[in-house]
């Protein structure tokens, strides 16, 4: 179970930073680097492209992880509603016979 807005588990397991907080931290760090670079006179177009790429890559990872976490959470809720502890095994099926006969 997740605590509201805190991004960590209520059950005492390892805390998890929410997707928004992670992305906000990365953007804040990129802005800080840009500001320090500007103050020292070393801010260039290459620095801007690099910081933009970092924020973009981390943002993409955060989005994928959030989507995966949401799917797992939704799947767990669906399984709980159905009452399964795990999905049932697939029912055995006979292999279909080919209508082609071998000539021999």
N, C-alpha and C. Protein backbone atom coordinates (compact mmCIF):
# COMPACT_ATOMS: atom_id res chain seq x y z
N UNK A 1 0.85 -1.17 0.00
CA UNK A 1 0.00 0.00 0.00
C UNK A 1 0.89 1.24 0.00
N UNK A 2 0.48 2.26 -0.73
CA UNK A 2 1.26 3.49 -0.85
C UNK A 2 0.67 4.58 0.04
N UNK A 3 1.53 5.38 0.65
CA UNK A 3 1.03 6.51 1.42
C UNK A 3 0.68 7.63 0.46
N UNK A 4 -0.29 8.40 0.80
CA UNK A 4 -0.77 9.48 -0.07
C UNK A 4 0.29 10.55 -0.26
N UNK A 5 0.71 10.76 -1.48
CA UNK A 5 1.58 11.86 -1.83
C UNK A 5 3.03 11.73 -1.38
N UNK A 6 3.34 10.79 -0.53
CA UNK A 6 4.70 10.70 -0.01
C UNK A 6 5.60 9.88 -0.91
N UNK A 7 5.03 9.02 -1.76
CA UNK A 7 5.84 8.23 -2.65
C UNK A 7 6.62 7.13 -1.96
N UNK A 8 6.12 6.66 -0.81
CA UNK A 8 6.79 5.56 -0.15
C UNK A 8 5.77 4.59 0.41
N UNK A 9 6.21 3.37 0.64
CA UNK A 9 5.30 2.32 1.09
C UNK A 9 4.96 2.49 2.57
N UNK A 10 3.70 2.29 2.89
CA UNK A 10 3.23 2.39 4.27
C UNK A 10 3.69 1.18 5.08
N UNK A 11 3.90 0.04 4.41
CA UNK A 11 4.24 -1.19 5.11
C UNK A 11 5.68 -1.24 5.61
N UNK A 12 6.42 -0.15 5.44
CA UNK A 12 7.77 -0.10 5.97
C UNK A 12 8.84 -0.61 5.03
N UNK A 13 8.46 -1.07 3.85
CA UNK A 13 9.47 -1.54 2.92
C UNK A 13 10.23 -0.34 2.34
N UNK A 14 11.16 -0.63 1.46
CA UNK A 14 12.04 0.40 0.90
C UNK A 14 11.25 1.57 0.33
N UNK A 15 11.59 2.82 0.72
CA UNK A 15 10.88 3.98 0.19
C UNK A 15 11.11 4.13 -1.32
N UNK A 16 10.10 4.58 -2.00
CA UNK A 16 10.18 4.77 -3.44
C UNK A 16 9.83 6.22 -3.74
N UNK A 17 10.71 6.89 -4.49
CA UNK A 17 10.44 8.27 -4.87
C UNK A 17 9.46 8.24 -6.03
N UNK A 18 8.43 9.07 -5.96
CA UNK A 18 7.44 9.12 -7.03
C UNK A 18 8.04 9.68 -8.32
N UNK A 19 7.39 9.37 -9.42
CA UNK A 19 7.86 9.79 -10.73
C UNK A 19 7.99 11.31 -10.83
N UNK A 20 7.01 12.01 -10.31
CA UNK A 20 7.06 13.49 -10.38
C UNK A 20 8.24 14.04 -9.60
N UNK A 21 8.47 13.49 -8.40
CA UNK A 21 9.58 13.97 -7.58
C UNK A 21 10.92 13.70 -8.25
N UNK A 22 11.06 12.51 -8.86
CA UNK A 22 12.32 12.17 -9.53
C UNK A 22 12.59 13.13 -10.68
N UNK A 23 11.57 13.36 -11.49
CA UNK A 23 11.76 14.25 -12.64
C UNK A 23 12.02 15.68 -12.16
N UNK A 24 11.33 16.11 -11.13
CA UNK A 24 11.55 17.46 -10.59
C UNK A 24 12.97 17.61 -10.07
N UNK A 25 13.50 16.57 -9.42
CA UNK A 25 14.88 16.61 -8.93
C UNK A 25 15.87 16.74 -10.08
N UNK A 26 15.65 16.00 -11.16
CA UNK A 26 16.56 16.06 -12.31
C UNK A 26 16.50 17.42 -12.98
N UNK A 27 15.29 17.96 -13.15
CA UNK A 27 15.16 19.28 -13.77
C UNK A 27 15.81 20.34 -12.89
N UNK A 28 15.61 20.26 -11.58
CA UNK A 28 16.23 21.22 -10.67
C UNK A 28 17.76 21.15 -10.75
N UNK A 29 18.30 19.94 -10.84
CA UNK A 29 19.75 19.79 -10.96
C UNK A 29 20.25 20.37 -12.28
N UNK A 30 19.51 20.14 -13.37
CA UNK A 30 19.90 20.68 -14.67
C UNK A 30 19.88 22.20 -14.65
N UNK A 31 18.88 22.77 -14.03
CA UNK A 31 18.80 24.24 -13.93
C UNK A 31 19.95 24.77 -13.08
N UNK A 32 20.28 24.07 -12.01
CA UNK A 32 21.39 24.48 -11.16
C UNK A 32 22.72 24.45 -11.92
N UNK A 33 22.94 23.39 -12.69
CA UNK A 33 24.16 23.29 -13.50
C UNK A 33 24.20 24.41 -14.54
N UNK A 34 23.06 24.67 -15.17
CA UNK A 34 23.00 25.74 -16.17
C UNK A 34 23.31 27.10 -15.53
N UNK A 35 22.75 27.34 -14.35
CA UNK A 35 22.99 28.61 -13.66
C UNK A 35 24.47 28.76 -13.27
N UNK A 36 25.05 27.70 -12.72
CA UNK A 36 26.46 27.75 -12.35
C UNK A 36 27.34 27.94 -13.58
N UNK A 37 26.98 27.28 -14.66
CA UNK A 37 27.73 27.41 -15.90
C UNK A 37 27.63 28.84 -16.44
N UNK A 38 26.45 29.41 -16.34
CA UNK A 38 26.25 30.79 -16.79
C UNK A 38 27.04 31.78 -15.96
N UNK A 39 27.05 31.57 -14.64
CA UNK A 39 27.80 32.46 -13.75
C UNK A 39 29.30 32.41 -14.01
N UNK A 40 29.79 31.23 -14.38
CA UNK A 40 31.23 31.10 -14.61
C UNK A 40 31.62 31.44 -16.05
N UNK A 41 30.62 31.71 -16.89
CA UNK A 41 30.89 32.08 -18.27
C UNK A 41 31.19 30.92 -19.19
N UNK A 42 30.82 29.71 -18.76
CA UNK A 42 31.10 28.53 -19.58
C UNK A 42 29.84 27.93 -20.20
N UNK A 43 28.71 28.62 -20.08
CA UNK A 43 27.47 28.10 -20.65
C UNK A 43 27.52 28.25 -22.17
N UNK A 44 27.35 27.14 -22.86
CA UNK A 44 27.38 27.14 -24.33
C UNK A 44 26.17 26.38 -24.86
N UNK A 45 26.02 26.41 -26.16
CA UNK A 45 24.94 25.65 -26.79
C UNK A 45 25.12 24.15 -26.52
N UNK A 46 26.35 23.69 -26.48
CA UNK A 46 26.62 22.27 -26.19
C UNK A 46 26.18 21.90 -24.78
N UNK A 47 26.44 22.78 -23.82
CA UNK A 47 25.97 22.55 -22.44
C UNK A 47 24.45 22.46 -22.44
N UNK A 48 23.80 23.37 -23.13
CA UNK A 48 22.33 23.36 -23.20
C UNK A 48 21.81 22.07 -23.82
N UNK A 49 22.42 21.63 -24.93
CA UNK A 49 22.00 20.38 -25.59
C UNK A 49 22.20 19.18 -24.66
N UNK A 50 23.33 19.16 -23.96
CA UNK A 50 23.62 18.05 -23.05
C UNK A 50 22.61 17.99 -21.91
N UNK A 51 22.35 19.14 -21.29
CA UNK A 51 21.37 19.16 -20.18
C UNK A 51 19.98 18.78 -20.67
N UNK A 52 19.62 19.24 -21.85
CA UNK A 52 18.32 18.89 -22.42
C UNK A 52 18.24 17.39 -22.67
N UNK A 53 19.31 16.80 -23.17
CA UNK A 53 19.33 15.36 -23.43
C UNK A 53 19.22 14.56 -22.13
N UNK A 54 19.91 15.01 -21.10
CA UNK A 54 19.84 14.32 -19.80
C UNK A 54 18.42 14.35 -19.26
N UNK A 55 17.80 15.52 -19.27
CA UNK A 55 16.43 15.63 -18.76
C UNK A 55 15.48 14.79 -19.61
N UNK A 56 15.66 14.78 -20.91
CA UNK A 56 14.81 13.98 -21.80
C UNK A 56 14.94 12.50 -21.54
N UNK A 57 16.18 12.01 -21.40
CA UNK A 57 16.39 10.58 -21.15
C UNK A 57 15.84 10.15 -19.80
N UNK A 58 16.10 10.94 -18.78
CA UNK A 58 15.58 10.59 -17.46
C UNK A 58 14.05 10.66 -17.47
N UNK A 59 13.51 11.67 -18.13
CA UNK A 59 12.05 11.78 -18.23
C UNK A 59 11.43 10.57 -18.91
N UNK A 60 12.06 10.09 -19.97
CA UNK A 60 11.55 8.89 -20.66
C UNK A 60 11.60 7.67 -19.75
N UNK A 61 12.70 7.51 -19.03
CA UNK A 61 12.82 6.37 -18.10
C UNK A 61 11.77 6.45 -17.00
N UNK A 62 11.60 7.64 -16.45
CA UNK A 62 10.61 7.83 -15.38
C UNK A 62 9.22 7.47 -15.89
N UNK A 63 8.90 7.90 -17.10
CA UNK A 63 7.57 7.62 -17.68
C UNK A 63 7.37 6.12 -17.87
N UNK A 64 8.36 5.43 -18.38
CA UNK A 64 8.25 3.98 -18.61
C UNK A 64 8.11 3.25 -17.27
N UNK A 65 8.92 3.63 -16.29
CA UNK A 65 8.84 2.99 -14.98
C UNK A 65 7.49 3.24 -14.33
N UNK A 66 6.96 4.45 -14.45
CA UNK A 66 5.66 4.77 -13.86
C UNK A 66 4.55 3.97 -14.55
N UNK A 67 4.65 3.84 -15.86
CA UNK A 67 3.65 3.06 -16.60
C UNK A 67 3.71 1.59 -16.19
N UNK A 68 4.92 1.05 -16.07
CA UNK A 68 5.08 -0.34 -15.66
C UNK A 68 4.56 -0.56 -14.25
N UNK A 69 4.90 0.36 -13.35
CA UNK A 69 4.42 0.25 -11.97
C UNK A 69 2.90 0.33 -11.92
N UNK A 70 2.32 1.20 -12.74
CA UNK A 70 0.87 1.32 -12.79
C UNK A 70 0.21 0.06 -13.33
N UNK A 71 0.84 -0.55 -14.34
CA UNK A 71 0.30 -1.80 -14.88
C UNK A 71 0.34 -2.90 -13.83
N UNK A 72 1.50 -3.03 -13.14
CA UNK A 72 1.61 -4.08 -12.12
C UNK A 72 0.59 -3.86 -11.01
N UNK A 73 0.41 -2.61 -10.62
CA UNK A 73 -0.55 -2.30 -9.56
C UNK A 73 -1.97 -2.65 -10.01
N UNK A 74 -2.30 -2.25 -11.23
CA UNK A 74 -3.63 -2.56 -11.76
C UNK A 74 -3.85 -4.05 -11.92
N UNK A 75 -2.83 -4.76 -12.36
CA UNK A 75 -2.92 -6.21 -12.52
C UNK A 75 -3.16 -6.85 -11.16
N UNK A 76 -2.42 -6.41 -10.16
CA UNK A 76 -2.60 -6.96 -8.81
C UNK A 76 -4.01 -6.72 -8.28
N UNK A 77 -4.55 -5.53 -8.53
CA UNK A 77 -5.91 -5.23 -8.10
C UNK A 77 -6.92 -6.11 -8.82
N UNK A 78 -6.72 -6.32 -10.11
CA UNK A 78 -7.64 -7.16 -10.89
C UNK A 78 -7.61 -8.60 -10.38
N UNK A 79 -6.42 -9.12 -10.10
CA UNK A 79 -6.29 -10.48 -9.58
C UNK A 79 -6.98 -10.59 -8.22
N UNK A 80 -6.80 -9.57 -7.39
CA UNK A 80 -7.44 -9.59 -6.07
C UNK A 80 -8.96 -9.56 -6.19
N UNK A 81 -9.49 -8.79 -7.13
CA UNK A 81 -10.93 -8.73 -7.32
C UNK A 81 -11.51 -10.06 -7.77
N UNK A 82 -10.77 -10.76 -8.61
CA UNK A 82 -11.22 -12.06 -9.10
C UNK A 82 -11.09 -13.11 -8.01
N UNK A 83 -10.19 -12.88 -7.08
CA UNK A 83 -10.02 -13.80 -5.96
C UNK A 83 -8.93 -14.83 -6.18
N UNK A 84 -8.11 -14.65 -7.18
CA UNK A 84 -7.00 -15.57 -7.43
C UNK A 84 -5.81 -15.14 -6.61
N UNK A 85 -5.05 -16.10 -6.13
CA UNK A 85 -3.77 -15.75 -5.52
C UNK A 85 -2.72 -15.62 -6.63
N UNK A 86 -2.99 -16.30 -7.73
CA UNK A 86 -2.17 -16.17 -8.94
C UNK A 86 -3.06 -16.58 -10.11
N UNK A 87 -2.71 -16.18 -11.32
CA UNK A 87 -3.55 -16.56 -12.45
C UNK A 87 -3.62 -18.08 -12.58
N UNK A 88 -4.77 -18.60 -13.02
CA UNK A 88 -4.88 -20.05 -13.16
C UNK A 88 -4.00 -20.54 -14.30
N UNK A 89 -3.54 -21.80 -14.19
CA UNK A 89 -2.73 -22.32 -15.28
C UNK A 89 -3.59 -22.48 -16.53
N UNK A 90 -2.98 -22.40 -17.69
CA UNK A 90 -3.76 -22.58 -18.91
C UNK A 90 -4.29 -24.00 -18.99
N UNK A 91 -5.48 -24.13 -19.56
CA UNK A 91 -6.05 -25.47 -19.68
C UNK A 91 -5.31 -26.22 -20.78
N UNK A 92 -5.08 -27.53 -20.56
CA UNK A 92 -4.36 -28.29 -21.58
C UNK A 92 -5.21 -28.42 -22.85
N UNK A 93 -4.58 -28.33 -23.95
CA UNK A 93 -5.27 -28.45 -25.23
C UNK A 93 -4.56 -29.47 -26.07
N UNK A 94 -5.34 -30.19 -26.83
CA UNK A 94 -4.75 -31.13 -27.76
C UNK A 94 -4.17 -30.39 -28.94
N UNK A 95 -3.03 -30.84 -29.42
CA UNK A 95 -2.50 -30.21 -30.62
C UNK A 95 -3.43 -30.49 -31.80
N UNK A 96 -3.59 -29.49 -32.63
CA UNK A 96 -4.45 -29.69 -33.80
C UNK A 96 -3.75 -30.58 -34.79
N UNK A 97 -4.53 -31.46 -35.37
CA UNK A 97 -3.97 -32.35 -36.38
C UNK A 97 -3.96 -31.65 -37.72
N UNK A 98 -2.93 -31.86 -38.43
CA UNK A 98 -2.80 -31.28 -39.74
C UNK A 98 -3.69 -32.01 -40.72
N UNK A 99 -4.31 -31.28 -41.62
CA UNK A 99 -5.16 -31.93 -42.62
C UNK A 99 -4.32 -32.46 -43.78
N UNK A 100 -3.05 -32.15 -43.78
CA UNK A 100 -2.15 -32.64 -44.82
C UNK A 100 -1.62 -34.01 -44.42
N UNK A 101 -1.73 -34.95 -45.32
CA UNK A 101 -1.20 -36.27 -45.04
C UNK A 101 0.11 -36.45 -45.77
N UNK A 102 0.98 -37.13 -45.10
CA UNK A 102 2.27 -37.41 -45.72
C UNK A 102 2.12 -38.57 -46.70
N UNK A 103 2.75 -38.41 -47.80
CA UNK A 103 2.74 -39.55 -48.73
C UNK A 103 4.00 -40.35 -48.49
N UNK A 104 3.89 -41.58 -48.49
CA UNK A 104 5.06 -42.32 -48.14
C UNK A 104 5.24 -43.50 -48.89
